[in-house]
C-alpha atoms as a PDB file:
ATOM      1  CA  MET A   1     -15.025  18.256  28.499  1.00  0.00           C
ATOM      2  CA  ALA A   2     -16.349  16.988  25.167  1.00  0.00           C
ATOM      3  CA  GLU A   3     -14.723  13.900  23.748  1.00  0.00           C
ATOM      4  CA  GLY A   4     -13.308  13.973  20.237  1.00  0.00           C
ATOM      5  CA  PRO A   5     -14.068  11.402  17.540  1.00  0.00           C
ATOM      6  CA  PRO A   6     -12.832   7.875  18.297  1.00  0.00           C
ATOM      7  CA  ARG A   7      -9.348   7.120  17.039  1.00  0.00           C
ATOM      8  CA  PRO A   8      -9.206   4.485  14.291  1.00  0.00           C
ATOM      9  CA  ILE A   9      -7.941   1.070  15.340  1.00  0.00           C
ATOM     10  CA  ARG A  10      -4.300   0.598  14.398  1.00  0.00           C
ATOM     11  CA  THR A  11      -3.831  -1.877  11.572  1.00  0.00           C
ATOM     12  CA  PHE A  12      -0.070  -2.181  12.034  1.00  0.00           C
ATOM     13  CA  GLY A  13       2.369  -3.229  14.753  1.00  0.00           C
ATOM     14  CA  ARG A  14       5.522  -1.539  16.003  1.00  0.00           C
ATOM     15  CA  VAL A  15       6.632   1.691  14.351  1.00  0.00           C
ATOM     16  CA  THR A  16      10.350   1.072  14.938  1.00  0.00           C
ATOM     17  CA  ALA A  17      12.240  -2.130  15.669  1.00  0.00           C
ATOM     18  CA  ARG A  18      15.977  -1.538  15.415  1.00  0.00           C
ATOM     19  CA  PRO A  19      18.318   1.433  15.028  1.00  0.00           C
ATOM     20  CA  ILE A  20      18.223   2.964  11.564  1.00  0.00           C
ATOM     21  CA  LYS A  21      21.504   2.560   9.684  1.00  0.00           C
ATOM     22  CA  PRO A  22      23.630   5.722   9.303  1.00  0.00           C
ATOM     23  CA  ARG A  23      23.125   6.103   5.540  1.00  0.00           C
ATOM     24  CA  GLN A  24      19.396   5.621   5.847  1.00  0.00           C
ATOM     25  CA  ALA A  25      19.200   8.001   8.809  1.00  0.00           C
ATOM     26  CA  ALA A  26      20.943  10.634   6.707  1.00  0.00           C
ATOM     27  CA  LEU A  27      18.413  10.122   3.910  1.00  0.00           C
ATOM     28  CA  MET A  28      15.570  10.622   6.382  1.00  0.00           C
ATOM     29  CA  THR A  29      16.962  14.137   6.859  1.00  0.00           C
ATOM     30  CA  SER A  30      18.206  14.955   3.365  1.00  0.00           C
ATOM     31  CA  LEU A  31      15.866  13.129   0.947  1.00  0.00           C
ATOM     32  CA  LEU A  32      12.592  12.425   2.739  1.00  0.00           C
ATOM     33  CA  PRO A  33      11.496  16.085   3.128  1.00  0.00           C
ATOM     34  CA  SER A  34      11.432  16.483  -0.659  1.00  0.00           C
ATOM     35  CA  LEU A  35       9.286  13.370  -1.086  1.00  0.00           C
ATOM     36  CA  VAL A  36       6.658  13.664   1.641  1.00  0.00           C
ATOM     37  CA  THR A  37       3.011  14.104   0.703  1.00  0.00           C
ATOM     38  CA  PRO A  38       1.297  17.347   1.754  1.00  0.00           C
ATOM     39  CA  PRO A  39      -0.244  17.380   5.255  1.00  0.00           C
ATOM     40  CA  GLY A  40      -3.793  18.133   4.104  1.00  0.00           C
ATOM     41  CA  PRO A  41      -6.077  17.386   1.147  1.00  0.00           C
ATOM     42  CA  PHE A  42      -4.196  17.509  -2.144  1.00  0.00           C
ATOM     43  CA  ASP A  43      -4.380  16.632  -5.823  1.00  0.00           C
ATOM     44  CA  PRO A  44      -1.598  14.109  -6.521  1.00  0.00           C
ATOM     45  CA  LEU A  45      -1.245  15.243 -10.133  1.00  0.00           C
ATOM     46  CA  ALA A  46      -0.317  18.698  -8.863  1.00  0.00           C
ATOM     47  CA  LEU A  47       2.824  17.058  -7.428  1.00  0.00           C
ATOM     48  CA  ALA A  48       3.784  15.627 -10.824  1.00  0.00           C
ATOM     49  CA  PRO A  49       1.932  17.447 -13.622  1.00  0.00           C
ATOM     50  CA  GLY A  50       3.462  15.232 -16.295  1.00  0.00           C
ATOM     51  CA  ALA A  51       2.306  11.954 -14.764  1.00  0.00           C
ATOM     52  CA  GLY A  52      -0.105   9.920 -16.821  1.00  0.00           C
ATOM     53  CA  GLU A  53      -1.303   7.806 -13.878  1.00  0.00           C
ATOM     54  CA  VAL A  54      -1.263   7.764 -10.085  1.00  0.00           C
ATOM     55  CA  TRP A  55      -0.695   4.578  -8.087  1.00  0.00           C
ATOM     56  CA  LEU A  56      -0.737   3.964  -4.354  1.00  0.00           C
ATOM     57  CA  GLU A  57       1.078   1.251  -2.404  1.00  0.00           C
ATOM     58  CA  ILE A  58      -0.177   0.714   1.126  1.00  0.00           C
ATOM     59  CA  GLY A  59       2.393  -0.660   3.553  1.00  0.00           C
ATOM     60  CA  PHE A  60       5.380  -0.637   1.197  1.00  0.00           C
ATOM     61  CA  GLY A  61       7.635  -2.408   3.719  1.00  0.00           C
ATOM     62  CA  GLY A  62      11.270  -2.049   2.710  1.00  0.00           C
ATOM     63  CA  GLY A  63      10.337  -0.200  -0.479  1.00  0.00           C
ATOM     64  CA  GLU A  64      11.684  -2.749  -2.988  1.00  0.00           C
ATOM     65  CA  HIS A  65       8.425  -3.007  -4.903  1.00  0.00           C
ATOM     66  CA  LEU A  66       7.633   0.702  -4.786  1.00  0.00           C
ATOM     67  CA  ALA A  67      11.044   1.856  -6.026  1.00  0.00           C
ATOM     68  CA  ALA A  68      11.271  -0.809  -8.743  1.00  0.00           C
ATOM     69  CA  GLN A  69       7.813  -0.002 -10.083  1.00  0.00           C
ATOM     70  CA  ALA A  70       8.698   3.695 -10.118  1.00  0.00           C
ATOM     71  CA  ALA A  71      11.870   2.912 -12.077  1.00  0.00           C
ATOM     72  CA  ARG A  72       9.904   0.860 -14.598  1.00  0.00           C
ATOM     73  CA  ARG A  73       7.187   3.479 -15.060  1.00  0.00           C
ATOM     74  CA  SER A  74       8.613   6.970 -15.067  1.00  0.00           C
ATOM     75  CA  ASP A  75       5.257   8.190 -16.428  1.00  0.00           C
ATOM     76  CA  VAL A  76       3.483   7.200 -13.202  1.00  0.00           C
ATOM     77  CA  LEU A  77       3.428   9.019  -9.866  1.00  0.00           C
ATOM     78  CA  ILE A  78       3.584   6.380  -7.130  1.00  0.00           C
ATOM     79  CA  LEU A  79       2.378   7.264  -3.649  1.00  0.00           C
ATOM     80  CA  GLY A  80       3.474   5.083  -0.767  1.00  0.00           C
ATOM     81  CA  ALA A  81       2.259   4.817   2.825  1.00  0.00           C
ATOM     82  CA  GLU A  82       4.232   3.033   5.531  1.00  0.00           C
ATOM     83  CA  PRO A  83       4.086   3.654   9.312  1.00  0.00           C
ATOM     84  CA  PHE A  84       7.176   1.542  10.024  1.00  0.00           C
ATOM     85  CA  LEU A  85      10.069   4.032  10.121  1.00  0.00           C
ATOM     86  CA  ASN A  86      12.699   1.413   9.361  1.00  0.00           C
ATOM     87  CA  GLY A  87      10.737   0.639   6.200  1.00  0.00           C
ATOM     88  CA  VAL A  88      10.614   4.290   5.192  1.00  0.00           C
ATOM     89  CA  ALA A  89      14.368   4.560   5.695  1.00  0.00           C
ATOM     90  CA  SER A  90      14.947   1.416   3.625  1.00  0.00           C
ATOM     91  CA  ALA A  91      12.712   2.725   0.843  1.00  0.00           C
ATOM     92  CA  LEU A  92      14.740   5.920   0.658  1.00  0.00           C
ATOM     93  CA  ARG A  93      17.868   3.858   0.014  1.00  0.00           C
ATOM     94  CA  HIS A  94      16.175   2.025  -2.873  1.00  0.00           C
ATOM     95  CA  ILE A  95      14.819   5.289  -4.255  1.00  0.00           C
ATOM     96  CA  GLN A  96      18.264   6.871  -4.213  1.00  0.00           C
ATOM     97  CA  ASP A  97      19.987   3.804  -5.666  1.00  0.00           C
ATOM     98  CA  LEU A  98      17.547   3.649  -8.591  1.00  0.00           C
ATOM     99  CA  GLY A  99      17.530   7.410  -9.063  1.00  0.00           C
ATOM    100  CA  VAL A 100      13.734   7.707  -9.168  1.00  0.00           C
ATOM    101  CA  GLY A 101      11.897  10.919  -8.403  1.00  0.00           C
ATOM    102  CA  ASN A 102       8.323   9.941  -9.296  1.00  0.00           C
ATOM    103  CA  VAL A 103       7.422   8.836  -5.774  1.00  0.00           C
ATOM    104  CA  ARG A 104       5.875  10.568  -2.781  1.00  0.00           C
ATOM    105  CA  LEU A 105       5.832   9.032   0.685  1.00  0.00           C
ATOM    106  CA  HIS A 106       3.557   9.191   3.711  1.00  0.00           C
ATOM    107  CA  ALA A 107       5.240   7.930   6.880  1.00  0.00           C
ATOM    108  CA  GLY A 108       2.058   7.017   8.713  1.00  0.00           C
ATOM    109  CA  ASP A 109      -1.346   5.367   8.512  1.00  0.00           C
ATOM    110  CA  ALA A 110      -2.455   4.833   4.909  1.00  0.00           C
ATOM    111  CA  ARG A 111      -6.036   5.640   5.803  1.00  0.00           C
ATOM    112  CA  ALA A 112      -5.036   9.225   6.581  1.00  0.00           C
ATOM    113  CA  LEU A 113      -3.375   9.502   3.172  1.00  0.00           C
ATOM    114  CA  MET A 114      -6.396   8.037   1.419  1.00  0.00           C
ATOM    115  CA  GLY A 115      -8.627  10.509   3.224  1.00  0.00           C
ATOM    116  CA  ALA A 116      -6.543  13.386   1.843  1.00  0.00           C
ATOM    117  CA  LEU A 117      -6.948  12.257  -1.775  1.00  0.00           C
ATOM    118  CA  PRO A 118      -9.713  13.462  -4.096  1.00  0.00           C
ATOM    119  CA  ALA A 119     -12.278  11.040  -5.459  1.00  0.00           C
ATOM    120  CA  SER A 120     -11.431   8.942  -8.520  1.00  0.00           C
ATOM    121  CA  CYS A 121      -7.751   9.898  -8.638  1.00  0.00           C
ATOM    122  CA  LEU A 122      -5.989   6.511  -8.498  1.00  0.00           C
ATOM    123  CA  ASP A 123      -5.321   4.124 -11.372  1.00  0.00           C
ATOM    124  CA  ARG A 124      -3.884   1.315  -9.223  1.00  0.00           C
ATOM    125  CA  LEU A 125      -3.707   0.377  -5.565  1.00  0.00           C
ATOM    126  CA  PHE A 126      -1.386  -2.250  -4.068  1.00  0.00           C
ATOM    127  CA  VAL A 127      -1.758  -3.940  -0.680  1.00  0.00           C
ATOM    128  CA  LEU A 128       1.086  -6.447  -0.518  1.00  0.00           C
ATOM    129  CA  PHE A 129       1.460  -8.732   2.485  1.00  0.00           C
ATOM    130  CA  PRO A 130      -0.259  -6.543   5.088  1.00  0.00           C
ATOM    131  CA  ASP A 131      -0.047  -7.408   8.772  1.00  0.00           C
ATOM    132  CA  PRO A 132      -2.286 -10.523   8.979  1.00  0.00           C
ATOM    133  CA  TRP A 133      -3.325 -10.214  12.643  1.00  0.00           C
ATOM    134  CA  PRO A 134      -3.939 -13.991  12.588  1.00  0.00           C
ATOM    135  CA  LYS A 135      -5.493 -14.325  16.057  1.00  0.00           C
ATOM    136  CA  ARG A 136      -9.278 -14.188  15.942  1.00  0.00           C
ATOM    137  CA  ARG A 137      -9.472 -11.540  18.649  1.00  0.00           C
ATOM    138  CA  HIS A 138      -7.199  -9.267  16.604  1.00  0.00           C
ATOM    139  CA  ALA A 139      -9.077  -9.579  13.295  1.00  0.00           C
ATOM    140  CA  LYS A 140     -10.666  -6.161  13.813  1.00  0.00           C
ATOM    141  CA  ARG A 141      -7.160  -4.703  13.350  1.00  0.00           C
ATOM    142  CA  ARG A 142      -6.825  -5.971   9.810  1.00  0.00           C
ATOM    143  CA  LEU A 143      -6.603  -3.278   7.162  1.00  0.00           C
ATOM    144  CA  VAL A 144      -9.290  -4.838   5.012  1.00  0.00           C
ATOM    145  CA  GLN A 145     -12.602  -3.900   6.576  1.00  0.00           C
ATOM    146  CA  THR A 146     -15.840  -2.580   5.114  1.00  0.00           C
ATOM    147  CA  GLU A 147     -14.694   0.992   5.727  1.00  0.00           C
ATOM    148  CA  PHE A 148     -11.404   0.428   3.902  1.00  0.00           C
ATOM    149  CA  ILE A 149     -13.177  -1.025   0.878  1.00  0.00           C
ATOM    150  CA  GLN A 150     -15.445   2.018   0.793  1.00  0.00           C
ATOM    151  CA  ASP A 151     -12.430   4.332   0.985  1.00  0.00           C
ATOM    152  CA  ALA A 152     -10.712   2.410  -1.810  1.00  0.00           C
ATOM    153  CA  ALA A 153     -13.822   2.627  -3.953  1.00  0.00           C
ATOM    154  CA  ARG A 154     -13.889   6.395  -3.482  1.00  0.00           C
ATOM    155  CA  VAL A 155     -10.293   7.083  -4.555  1.00  0.00           C
ATOM    156  CA  LEU A 156     -10.046   4.558  -7.408  1.00  0.00           C
ATOM    157  CA  LYS A 157     -11.173   5.435 -10.905  1.00  0.00           C
ATOM    158  CA  SER A 158     -13.695   3.274 -12.709  1.00  0.00           C
ATOM    159  CA  GLY A 159     -11.724   0.422 -14.267  1.00  0.00           C
ATOM    160  CA  ALA A 160      -8.788   0.862 -11.863  1.00  0.00           C
ATOM    161  CA  ARG A 161      -7.210  -2.222 -10.312  1.00  0.00           C
ATOM    162  CA  LEU A 162      -6.564  -3.119  -6.676  1.00  0.00           C
ATOM    163  CA  ARG A 163      -4.051  -5.900  -5.968  1.00  0.00           C
ATOM    164  CA  PHE A 164      -4.100  -7.634  -2.588  1.00  0.00           C
ATOM    165  CA  VAL A 165      -1.535 -10.298  -1.704  1.00  0.00           C
ATOM    166  CA  THR A 166      -1.191 -12.349   1.463  1.00  0.00           C
ATOM    167  CA  ASP A 167       0.470 -15.567   2.557  1.00  0.00           C
ATOM    168  CA  TRP A 168      -2.101 -16.222   5.281  1.00  0.00           C
ATOM    169  CA  ALA A 169      -4.994 -18.400   4.081  1.00  0.00           C
ATOM    170  CA  ASP A 170      -7.552 -16.971   6.479  1.00  0.00           C
ATOM    171  CA  TYR A 171      -6.752 -13.390   5.459  1.00  0.00           C
ATOM    172  CA  ALA A 172      -7.120 -14.332   1.795  1.00  0.00           C
ATOM    173  CA  ASP A 173     -10.576 -15.805   2.490  1.00  0.00           C
ATOM    174  CA  TRP A 174     -11.468 -12.798   4.678  1.00  0.00           C
ATOM    175  CA  THR A 175     -10.479 -10.317   1.974  1.00  0.00           C
ATOM    176  CA  LEU A 176     -12.142 -12.156  -0.892  1.00  0.00           C
ATOM    177  CA  ALA A 177     -15.419 -12.427   1.015  1.00  0.00           C
ATOM    178  CA  ARG A 178     -15.483  -8.709   1.776  1.00  0.00           C
ATOM    179  CA  PHE A 179     -14.634  -7.567  -1.722  1.00  0.00           C
ATOM    180  CA  LEU A 180     -17.150  -9.951  -3.264  1.00  0.00           C
ATOM    181  CA  GLY A 181     -19.720  -8.396  -0.940  1.00  0.00           C
ATOM    182  CA  SER A 182     -19.006  -4.926  -2.292  1.00  0.00           C
ATOM    183  CA  PRO A 183     -20.977  -3.681  -5.317  1.00  0.00           C
ATOM    184  CA  ALA A 184     -18.034  -1.409  -6.181  1.00  0.00           C
ATOM    185  CA  PHE A 185     -15.579  -4.180  -7.102  1.00  0.00           C
ATOM    186  CA  ALA A 186     -15.341  -7.272  -9.288  1.00  0.00           C
ATOM    187  CA  TRP A 187     -12.826 -10.090  -8.830  1.00  0.00           C
ATOM    188  CA  THR A 188     -10.883 -10.463 -12.072  1.00  0.00           C
ATOM    189  CA  ALA A 189      -9.803 -14.114 -11.683  1.00  0.00           C
ATOM    190  CA  ARG A 190     -10.816 -16.500 -14.442  1.00  0.00           C
ATOM    191  CA  ALA A 191      -8.639 -19.523 -13.562  1.00  0.00           C
ATOM    192  CA  ALA A 192      -6.825 -20.877 -10.504  1.00  0.00           C
ATOM    193  CA  ASP A 193      -3.459 -19.633 -11.748  1.00  0.00           C
ATOM    194  CA  ASP A 194      -4.811 -16.079 -11.476  1.00  0.00           C
ATOM    195  CA  TRP A 195      -4.590 -16.297  -7.699  1.00  0.00           C
ATOM    196  CA  ARG A 196      -1.824 -18.889  -7.413  1.00  0.00           C
ATOM    197  CA  ARG A 197       0.832 -17.227  -9.561  1.00  0.00           C
ATOM    198  CA  ALA A 198       2.408 -13.795  -9.268  1.00  0.00           C
ATOM    199  CA  PRO A 199       1.391 -11.392 -12.055  1.00  0.00           C
ATOM    200  CA  ALA A 200       4.035 -10.670 -14.671  1.00  0.00           C
ATOM    201  CA  ASP A 201       4.604  -7.133 -13.390  1.00  0.00           C
ATOM    202  CA  HIS A 202       5.133  -8.114  -9.747  1.00  0.00           C
ATOM    203  CA  VAL A 203       8.382  -7.231  -7.970  1.00  0.00           C
ATOM    204  CA  PRO A 204       9.262  -9.660  -5.128  1.00  0.00           C
ATOM    205  CA  THR A 205       9.592  -8.114  -1.693  1.00  0.00           C
ATOM    206  CA  ARG A 206      11.910  -8.937   1.173  1.00  0.00           C
ATOM    207  CA  TYR A 207       8.991 -10.050   3.328  1.00  0.00           C
ATOM    208  CA  GLU A 208       7.640 -12.295   0.577  1.00  0.00           C
ATOM    209  CA  GLN A 209      10.954 -14.111   0.302  1.00  0.00           C
ATOM    210  CA  LYS A 210      10.971 -14.897   4.040  1.00  0.00           C
ATOM    211  CA  ARG A 211       7.843 -17.087   3.658  1.00  0.00           C
ATOM    212  CA  LEU A 212       6.497 -16.335   7.134  1.00  0.00           C
ATOM    213  CA  GLY A 213       2.844 -17.119   6.423  1.00  0.00           C
ATOM    214  CA  ASP A 214       0.914 -20.365   6.564  1.00  0.00           C
ATOM    215  CA  CYS A 215       0.380 -20.778   2.809  1.00  0.00           C
ATOM    216  CA  ALA A 216       1.829 -19.837  -0.563  1.00  0.00           C
ATOM    217  CA  PRO A 217       1.046 -16.262  -1.592  1.00  0.00           C
ATOM    218  CA  VAL A 218      -2.512 -15.679  -2.762  1.00  0.00           C
ATOM    219  CA  TRP A 219      -2.893 -13.004  -5.447  1.00  0.00           C
ATOM    220  CA  LEU A 220      -6.253 -11.267  -5.507  1.00  0.00           C
ATOM    221  CA  GLU A 221      -6.951  -8.641  -8.160  1.00  0.00           C
ATOM    222  CA  PHE A 222     -10.110  -6.534  -8.117  1.00  0.00           C
ATOM    223  CA  GLU A 223     -11.470  -4.043 -10.640  1.00  0.00           C
ATOM    224  CA  ARG A 224     -13.307  -0.886  -9.639  1.00  0.00           C
ATOM    225  CA  LEU A 225     -16.689  -0.929 -11.351  1.00  0.00           C
END
């Protein structure tokens, strides 16, 4: 029997951790079906013809940042990918509370969502506090790998921005080294405050406020060339 293609290494931990609260469970049934991304290749602008831009947040956690950005920018379609079902359920609560409809969600691996997108369709991409996999033997599970950078380069427009944030020093160094090694991206920092201070448009996340890493958040912004 022929073997299929190798499965990609998981870049995230557990999919569920605790029972989903009743209100959020109800939203998983009533609201989520209207917000899910299509199962195959699709043009994101076909989901929101009036949108001026398309953004993607990878690993949106509890959804605070995603929903708040959508509320601020009703002219933008924001795609979100999150494999953690408790996070998806939490995001639905924020989406309902803020009354935003310019979001579409993928409850699964972000790489599958990126693979379904056409080339040069994204204006912004956020990767905020991804799983750091701090042990050396687990580093291959980190989201940021050469293949991910190539995928990001494919879906981002020329001049589009990618924001990566981590509170693990080694992951910041790891990510910076790999993006600097890519001819498709340029690091936008001009002074130390550019990576030490949160950008003006940032929305704090629940994870960020827990301060679970080994350093203050490092803010890395890259431009697609």
